[in-house]
Amino acid sequence: MRFLAVTAIILGTFAALPAADPPKRPLSPTEFTWDRSGKVLGEVVAALPKTTGASVVVAPAAMKTKCEVRFDKAPFWEALQQSADATRTRIAISEGGRKVELVPKGESLEVAATSGAFRVVAQQVVGRTLLDQGVTFHEVTLLVHWEPRVRVYRIDSAPKVTKVTDVTGSRLSPGAGSAQVLPTNATSEMKVKVNGLTRKSEQITAFAGEFTVTAADRMLSFAFEAPGGKLPEAKKEDNVSASLKRVQKKDDTWEVVVEVSYPKGQPVFESFQGEWWLRDNRLVLLSPEGKAVVIDDYEVPTPDRSTPLVVIHRFKEDAKNGFGNPTAKGWSLVYETPSPLVEVKVPFELKGISLP
């Protein structure tokens, strides 16, 4: 049984990269280079980077469609979108954003824009007339999704819209929204109310704005091999350090205390939001044969002190089910945690959204 007692979690900043590496923006996209002519869509997709966390497949009907595209360090979504546009296919998202499929476009009117590691899709426009009030408005539904390797813990429920225009050149009035949601997958839906569209509007020619996300670039993994006797030194990566403070057996139960330190002086999650970040903090017990089990019984004894984060993990020794002696030869403990978190604004602009 998991015990959760966290009221505030300190957010991290994007860690400085080693001096030998070029500067990198927070939540930078995975890049793709392709310079092979005469190839088909299936071959282009097969060469896409596997580090995005997304499984990318092509519908059988489109596998051998000629795909004349070239990329030089193009962002993953941009490369995929251009490949879809070049082959009359569209990008279909499923399994919470973890599966991406290129399927025949057919009569689809979806409009998309890529922005770094994120992609925004206009999926639906609904017109409404409130007869009792004599008010007409339209509601635009957007799907925001991102490379699954990026862990998003907080995102605006609606974007801040900076521009909406129609074919008449009118600057339209978008509704306001400032709430945030805590996504559990690599997708999030947004809805925006637009006032002022008429029968003469024909389409939304430009729909631009931005939204804020709190996220981590990737997961970090700290491995401690056979941590018996003298405990191993703390491990550090991306300005995050993890150390074992205690590995001890009491009766038939092992107790493992982990301390993780993050950059100081950061913004704070609301109390109810901390659990979403903690879901990606976990301790894994790895056997000599490579069998991994997650220790999902834990306690946070000092919820008022978020950094360092101290977590006590407990499990009963049960070798049959993979819960062996973590201090024995060949065994190891692996602590996984998100890289330092950042809060960034993601801009986008959609063009040519059809109206009902």
Protein backbone atom coordinates (compact mmCIF):
# COMPACT_ATOMS: atom_id res chain seq x y z
CA MET A 1 0.00 0.00 0.00
CA ARG A 2 1.38 3.39 -0.93
CA PHE A 3 1.48 6.10 1.72
CA LEU A 4 1.60 9.66 0.42
CA ALA A 5 2.25 12.64 2.69
CA VAL A 6 3.54 15.42 0.49
CA THR A 7 2.08 18.93 0.64
CA ALA A 8 4.56 20.83 -1.52
CA ILE A 9 7.14 19.86 -4.12
CA ILE A 10 9.87 22.21 -5.22
CA LEU A 11 10.20 22.57 -8.97
CA GLY A 12 13.65 22.32 -10.52
CA THR A 13 15.26 24.47 -13.16
CA PHE A 14 16.74 23.17 -16.34
CA ALA A 15 20.22 22.02 -15.41
CA ALA A 16 23.22 23.57 -17.15
CA LEU A 17 24.73 21.24 -19.70
CA PRO A 18 28.42 20.34 -19.65
CA ALA A 19 30.63 22.99 -21.24
CA ALA A 20 31.46 20.70 -24.15
CA ASP A 21 27.82 20.49 -25.25
CA PRO A 22 26.05 23.21 -27.24
CA PRO A 23 23.37 25.21 -25.42
CA LYS A 24 20.00 23.51 -25.29
CA ARG A 25 16.61 25.06 -24.65
CA PRO A 26 14.32 23.52 -22.05
CA LEU A 27 12.09 20.79 -23.48
CA SER A 28 13.95 20.85 -26.79
CA PRO A 29 12.54 18.47 -29.43
CA THR A 30 14.19 15.30 -30.61
CA GLU A 31 15.87 15.99 -33.96
CA PHE A 32 15.82 13.97 -37.19
CA THR A 33 18.11 14.11 -40.22
CA TRP A 34 17.14 12.43 -43.51
CA ASP A 35 18.71 12.95 -46.94
CA ARG A 36 17.79 9.91 -48.99
CA SER A 37 15.77 10.41 -52.17
CA GLY A 38 13.46 7.93 -53.83
CA LYS A 39 12.26 6.37 -50.60
CA VAL A 40 8.80 5.45 -49.40
CA LEU A 41 6.93 6.51 -46.26
CA GLY A 42 7.55 3.24 -44.44
CA GLU A 43 11.32 3.66 -44.79
CA VAL A 44 11.28 7.27 -43.60
CA VAL A 45 9.24 6.39 -40.52
CA ALA A 46 11.45 3.39 -39.73
CA ALA A 47 14.44 5.75 -39.54
CA LEU A 48 12.81 8.15 -37.06
CA PRO A 49 14.54 8.43 -33.66
CA LYS A 50 13.33 5.90 -31.10
CA THR A 51 14.17 8.19 -28.16
CA THR A 52 10.89 10.16 -28.30
CA GLY A 53 9.03 7.53 -26.31
CA ALA A 54 6.42 7.20 -29.07
CA SER A 55 5.77 4.13 -31.17
CA VAL A 56 5.35 5.31 -34.78
CA VAL A 57 3.73 3.06 -37.37
CA VAL A 58 2.32 3.46 -40.88
CA ALA A 59 -1.01 2.09 -42.05
CA PRO A 60 -0.45 -0.77 -44.54
CA ALA A 61 -2.17 1.19 -47.33
CA ALA A 62 0.41 3.99 -47.02
CA MET A 63 3.59 2.00 -46.37
CA LYS A 64 4.88 2.17 -49.95
CA THR A 65 3.72 5.69 -50.77
CA LYS A 66 6.60 7.66 -52.25
CA CYS A 67 7.88 10.19 -49.74
CA GLU A 68 10.27 12.81 -51.15
CA VAL A 69 11.34 14.69 -48.01
CA ARG A 70 14.65 15.88 -46.62
CA PHE A 71 15.46 16.99 -43.08
CA ASP A 72 18.51 18.42 -41.38
CA LYS A 73 18.07 18.22 -37.62
CA ALA A 74 14.34 18.82 -37.96
CA PRO A 75 12.17 18.56 -34.82
CA PHE A 76 10.49 15.16 -34.59
CA TRP A 77 6.90 16.42 -34.97
CA GLU A 78 7.85 18.77 -37.79
CA ALA A 79 9.53 15.94 -39.72
CA LEU A 80 6.56 13.66 -39.14
CA GLN A 81 4.07 16.36 -40.16
CA GLN A 82 5.94 17.14 -43.39
CA SER A 83 6.11 13.42 -44.18
CA ALA A 84 2.35 13.17 -43.67
CA ASP A 85 1.69 16.24 -45.83
CA ALA A 86 3.89 14.84 -48.61
CA THR A 87 2.01 11.54 -48.69
CA ARG A 88 -1.62 12.63 -48.14
CA THR A 89 -1.70 10.96 -44.74
CA ARG A 90 -2.52 12.32 -41.32
CA ILE A 91 -1.13 11.75 -37.84
CA ALA A 92 -3.45 9.73 -35.61
CA ILE A 93 -2.74 9.64 -31.86
CA SER A 94 -3.77 6.80 -29.56
CA GLU A 95 -2.79 5.06 -26.31
CA GLY A 96 -2.51 8.36 -24.49
CA GLY A 97 -0.04 9.75 -27.03
CA ARG A 98 2.33 6.79 -26.84
CA LYS A 99 1.24 5.41 -30.24
CA VAL A 100 1.41 7.50 -33.43
CA GLU A 101 0.08 6.19 -36.74
CA LEU A 102 0.19 7.68 -40.22
CA VAL A 103 -3.10 6.82 -41.90
CA PRO A 104 -4.71 7.90 -45.21
CA LYS A 105 -6.00 11.46 -44.83
CA GLY A 106 -9.30 10.87 -46.57
CA GLU A 107 -11.76 13.72 -45.91
CA SER A 108 -10.04 14.89 -42.72
CA LEU A 109 -10.06 18.65 -42.11
CA GLU A 110 -7.77 18.62 -39.09
CA VAL A 111 -5.30 21.51 -38.89
CA ALA A 112 -2.06 21.13 -36.94
CA ALA A 113 0.94 23.17 -35.83
CA THR A 114 4.20 21.93 -34.36
CA SER A 115 6.08 23.73 -31.60
CA GLY A 116 9.28 22.12 -30.35
CA ALA A 117 8.45 18.86 -28.57
CA PHE A 118 4.73 19.72 -28.77
CA ARG A 119 2.04 19.52 -31.47
CA VAL A 120 -1.35 21.26 -31.45
CA VAL A 121 -4.29 19.95 -33.51
CA ALA A 122 -7.62 21.69 -34.18
CA GLN A 123 -10.03 18.76 -34.00
CA GLN A 124 -13.51 20.23 -33.82
CA VAL A 125 -15.49 23.45 -34.17
CA VAL A 126 -19.00 23.60 -32.77
CA GLY A 127 -21.34 26.56 -33.36
CA ARG A 128 -23.89 27.42 -30.69
CA THR A 129 -26.75 29.88 -30.50
CA LEU A 130 -28.31 30.66 -27.14
CA LEU A 131 -31.78 31.59 -28.33
CA ASP A 132 -32.97 33.01 -25.01
CA GLN A 133 -30.01 35.41 -24.96
CA GLY A 134 -29.64 36.01 -28.68
CA VAL A 135 -25.94 35.12 -28.47
CA THR A 136 -23.97 33.09 -31.02
CA PHE A 137 -20.47 31.72 -30.47
CA HIS A 138 -18.19 28.90 -31.63
CA GLU A 139 -16.15 26.50 -29.53
CA VAL A 140 -12.82 25.23 -30.91
CA THR A 141 -11.50 21.95 -29.50
CA LEU A 142 -7.72 21.49 -29.56
CA LEU A 143 -5.67 18.40 -28.83
CA VAL A 144 -2.21 19.13 -27.48
CA HIS A 145 0.22 16.24 -27.44
CA TRP A 146 3.96 15.89 -26.99
CA GLU A 147 6.87 13.48 -27.18
CA PRO A 148 6.09 10.94 -24.44
CA ARG A 149 9.67 11.15 -23.14
CA VAL A 150 8.73 14.65 -21.93
CA ARG A 151 6.95 14.33 -18.61
CA VAL A 152 4.29 17.04 -18.31
CA TYR A 153 2.96 17.55 -14.78
CA ARG A 154 0.91 20.70 -15.26
CA ILE A 155 -0.60 22.34 -18.35
CA ASP A 156 -3.12 25.12 -19.01
CA SER A 157 -6.66 23.88 -19.61
CA ALA A 158 -7.04 26.55 -22.32
CA PRO A 159 -4.41 28.56 -24.19
CA LYS A 160 -3.95 32.29 -23.96
CA VAL A 161 -5.16 33.27 -27.45
CA THR A 162 -3.37 36.27 -28.96
CA LYS A 163 -4.98 36.36 -32.43
CA VAL A 164 -8.09 35.03 -34.15
CA THR A 165 -9.08 36.19 -37.65
CA ASP A 166 -11.49 35.12 -40.38
CA VAL A 167 -11.59 35.61 -44.18
CA THR A 168 -13.16 39.05 -43.78
CA GLY A 169 -10.10 40.21 -41.87
CA SER A 170 -12.06 40.68 -38.65
CA ARG A 171 -10.15 40.28 -35.41
CA LEU A 172 -12.36 38.06 -33.31
CA SER A 173 -12.78 37.83 -29.55
CA PRO A 174 -11.64 34.60 -27.83
CA GLY A 175 -12.94 33.54 -24.44
CA ALA A 176 -10.55 33.59 -21.47
CA GLY A 177 -9.35 30.68 -19.35
CA SER A 178 -6.65 30.38 -16.72
CA ALA A 179 -7.15 27.00 -15.02
CA GLN A 180 -4.56 24.23 -15.17
CA VAL A 181 -4.91 20.46 -15.41
CA LEU A 182 -2.65 17.57 -14.43
CA PRO A 183 -2.35 15.23 -17.43
CA THR A 184 -1.82 11.52 -16.85
CA ASN A 185 -0.79 10.79 -20.45
CA ALA A 186 1.07 12.61 -23.23
CA THR A 187 -2.06 14.43 -24.43
CA SER A 188 -4.35 17.16 -23.14
CA GLU A 189 -7.57 18.62 -24.56
CA MET A 190 -8.26 22.36 -24.64
CA LYS A 191 -11.44 24.24 -25.55
CA VAL A 192 -11.64 27.90 -26.59
CA LYS A 193 -14.82 29.94 -27.11
CA VAL A 194 -14.65 32.38 -30.04
CA ASN A 195 -17.10 35.25 -30.36
CA GLY A 196 -17.88 37.23 -33.52
CA LEU A 197 -17.84 34.55 -36.22
CA THR A 198 -20.65 34.92 -38.78
CA ARG A 199 -21.83 33.16 -41.95
CA LYS A 200 -19.45 35.37 -43.91
CA SER A 201 -16.43 34.21 -41.89
CA GLU A 202 -16.13 30.94 -43.90
CA GLN A 203 -13.08 29.82 -41.90
CA ILE A 204 -10.74 30.85 -39.11
CA THR A 205 -7.73 32.03 -41.11
CA ALA A 206 -5.43 32.41 -38.11
CA PHE A 207 -5.67 31.09 -34.56
CA ALA A 208 -2.57 31.90 -32.50
CA GLY A 209 -1.69 31.74 -28.84
CA GLU A 210 0.40 30.05 -26.19
CA PHE A 211 0.00 27.81 -23.17
CA THR A 212 2.17 27.11 -20.13
CA VAL A 213 3.49 23.70 -19.12
CA THR A 214 5.48 22.44 -16.16
CA ALA A 215 7.53 19.50 -17.30
CA ALA A 216 10.75 17.49 -17.27
CA ASP A 217 12.83 16.63 -20.33
CA ARG A 218 13.29 13.01 -19.33
CA MET A 219 13.59 10.48 -16.54
CA LEU A 220 16.84 10.03 -14.61
CA SER A 221 18.02 6.66 -13.30
CA PHE A 222 20.44 6.14 -10.38
CA ALA A 223 21.74 2.58 -9.90
CA PHE A 224 23.24 1.27 -6.64
CA GLU A 225 24.78 -2.21 -6.87
CA ALA A 226 24.68 -4.59 -3.86
CA PRO A 227 24.38 -1.75 -1.37
CA GLY A 228 25.45 -3.74 1.71
CA GLY A 229 27.85 -2.68 4.48
CA LYS A 230 29.24 0.73 3.57
CA LEU A 231 26.64 2.51 1.49
CA PRO A 232 27.69 3.73 -1.96
CA GLU A 233 28.37 7.39 -2.62
CA ALA A 234 25.60 9.65 -3.88
CA LYS A 235 25.00 9.66 -7.62
CA LYS A 236 24.47 12.93 -9.50
CA GLU A 237 23.07 13.77 -12.94
CA ASP A 238 21.51 16.92 -14.42
CA ASN A 239 21.98 18.75 -11.13
CA VAL A 240 19.96 16.11 -9.26
CA SER A 241 21.62 13.86 -6.69
CA ALA A 242 20.35 10.64 -5.14
CA SER A 243 21.80 8.70 -2.22
CA LEU A 244 20.95 5.68 -0.10
CA LYS A 245 20.71 6.66 3.56
CA ARG A 246 19.76 3.27 4.94
CA VAL A 247 19.32 -0.30 3.71
CA GLN A 248 18.22 -2.40 6.67
CA LYS A 249 16.20 -5.54 7.39
CA LYS A 250 13.76 -5.54 10.30
CA ASP A 251 12.27 -8.99 10.91
CA ASP A 252 11.09 -10.04 7.42
CA THR A 253 10.82 -6.50 6.03
CA TRP A 254 13.50 -4.50 4.23
CA GLU A 255 13.60 -0.77 4.67
CA VAL A 256 15.38 1.39 2.10
CA VAL A 257 15.72 5.13 2.70
CA VAL A 258 16.49 7.29 -0.33
CA GLU A 259 17.35 10.99 -0.28
CA VAL A 260 17.04 13.00 -3.49
CA SER A 261 18.16 16.62 -3.81
CA TYR A 262 16.97 19.05 -6.47
CA PRO A 263 17.94 22.65 -7.30
CA LYS A 264 16.81 25.11 -4.65
CA GLY A 265 14.81 28.32 -4.87
CA GLN A 266 12.17 27.08 -7.28
CA PRO A 267 8.37 27.64 -7.56
CA VAL A 268 6.10 25.32 -5.61
CA PHE A 269 3.35 22.94 -6.67
CA GLU A 270 -0.02 23.29 -5.01
CA SER A 271 -0.46 20.61 -2.34
CA PHE A 272 -2.86 18.48 -4.42
CA GLN A 273 -0.49 18.58 -7.41
CA GLY A 274 2.50 16.95 -5.68
CA GLU A 275 1.18 13.42 -6.14
CA TRP A 276 1.34 13.73 -9.92
CA TRP A 277 5.05 14.47 -9.77
CA LEU A 278 5.69 11.73 -7.20
CA ARG A 279 4.09 9.15 -9.51
CA ASP A 280 7.31 9.23 -11.53
CA ASN A 281 9.57 8.77 -8.50
CA ARG A 282 10.05 5.09 -7.85
CA LEU A 283 12.48 2.52 -6.47
CA VAL A 284 13.15 -0.60 -8.52
CA LEU A 285 14.74 -3.80 -7.16
CA LEU A 286 16.80 -5.57 -9.83
CA SER A 287 17.78 -9.25 -9.46
CA PRO A 288 21.03 -10.82 -10.80
CA GLU A 289 18.90 -12.31 -13.63
CA GLY A 290 17.62 -8.88 -14.60
CA LYS A 291 14.10 -9.26 -13.17
CA ALA A 292 12.84 -5.87 -12.02
CA VAL A 293 10.12 -5.21 -9.44
CA VAL A 294 8.87 -1.84 -8.25
CA ILE A 295 8.77 -1.14 -4.52
CA ASP A 296 5.41 0.61 -4.32
CA ASP A 297 5.08 0.83 -0.52
CA TYR A 298 6.65 4.11 0.54
CA GLU A 299 6.40 6.93 3.04
CA VAL A 300 7.50 10.56 2.96
CA PRO A 301 8.22 11.36 6.63
CA THR A 302 8.94 15.11 6.29
CA PRO A 303 6.30 16.56 3.96
CA ASP A 304 7.16 20.11 5.00
CA ARG A 305 10.68 19.80 3.62
CA SER A 306 10.62 19.12 -0.09
CA THR A 307 14.33 19.27 -0.81
CA PRO A 308 16.01 17.05 -0.09
CA LEU A 309 13.15 14.64 -0.65
CA VAL A 310 13.42 11.73 1.80
CA VAL A 311 11.45 8.59 0.95
CA ILE A 312 11.27 5.39 3.00
CA HIS A 313 10.54 2.28 0.91
CA ARG A 314 9.54 -1.05 2.50
CA PHE A 315 9.11 -4.58 1.16
CA LYS A 316 8.96 -8.10 2.51
CA GLU A 317 11.63 -10.48 1.27
CA ASP A 318 10.03 -12.91 -1.18
CA ALA A 319 12.57 -14.29 -3.64
CA LYS A 320 9.90 -16.25 -5.52
CA ASN A 321 8.27 -12.99 -6.58
CA GLY A 322 11.50 -11.08 -7.15
CA PHE A 323 11.81 -9.45 -3.72
CA GLY A 324 15.25 -10.72 -2.76
CA ASN A 325 18.05 -9.51 -0.50
CA PRO A 326 19.09 -6.17 -2.06
CA THR A 327 22.53 -6.33 -0.41
CA ALA A 328 23.45 -9.72 -1.91
CA LYS A 329 25.89 -10.09 -4.78
CA GLY A 330 24.37 -9.29 -8.17
CA TRP A 331 21.39 -7.38 -6.78
CA SER A 332 20.93 -3.67 -7.22
CA LEU A 333 18.56 -0.84 -6.38
CA VAL A 334 17.61 1.68 -9.07
CA TYR A 335 15.95 4.97 -8.19
CA GLU A 336 14.10 6.75 -10.99
CA THR A 337 13.10 10.41 -10.85
CA PRO A 338 12.30 13.17 -13.35
CA SER A 339 15.06 15.51 -14.47
CA PRO A 340 14.83 19.07 -13.09
CA LEU A 341 11.48 20.61 -13.95
CA VAL A 342 10.93 23.75 -15.96
CA GLU A 343 7.96 25.99 -16.58
CA VAL A 344 7.79 27.21 -20.18
CA LYS A 345 5.36 28.86 -22.57
CA VAL A 346 4.61 26.95 -25.78
CA PRO A 347 3.53 29.17 -28.72
CA PHE A 348 1.49 27.94 -31.70
CA GLU A 349 -0.42 29.23 -34.73
CA LEU A 350 -3.07 27.30 -36.65
CA LYS A 351 -4.21 28.40 -40.11
CA GLY A 352 -7.30 27.57 -42.17
CA ILE A 353 -9.67 26.03 -39.63
CA SER A 354 -12.93 25.10 -41.32
CA LEU A 355 -16.23 26.28 -39.85
CA PRO A 356 -19.51 24.32 -39.69
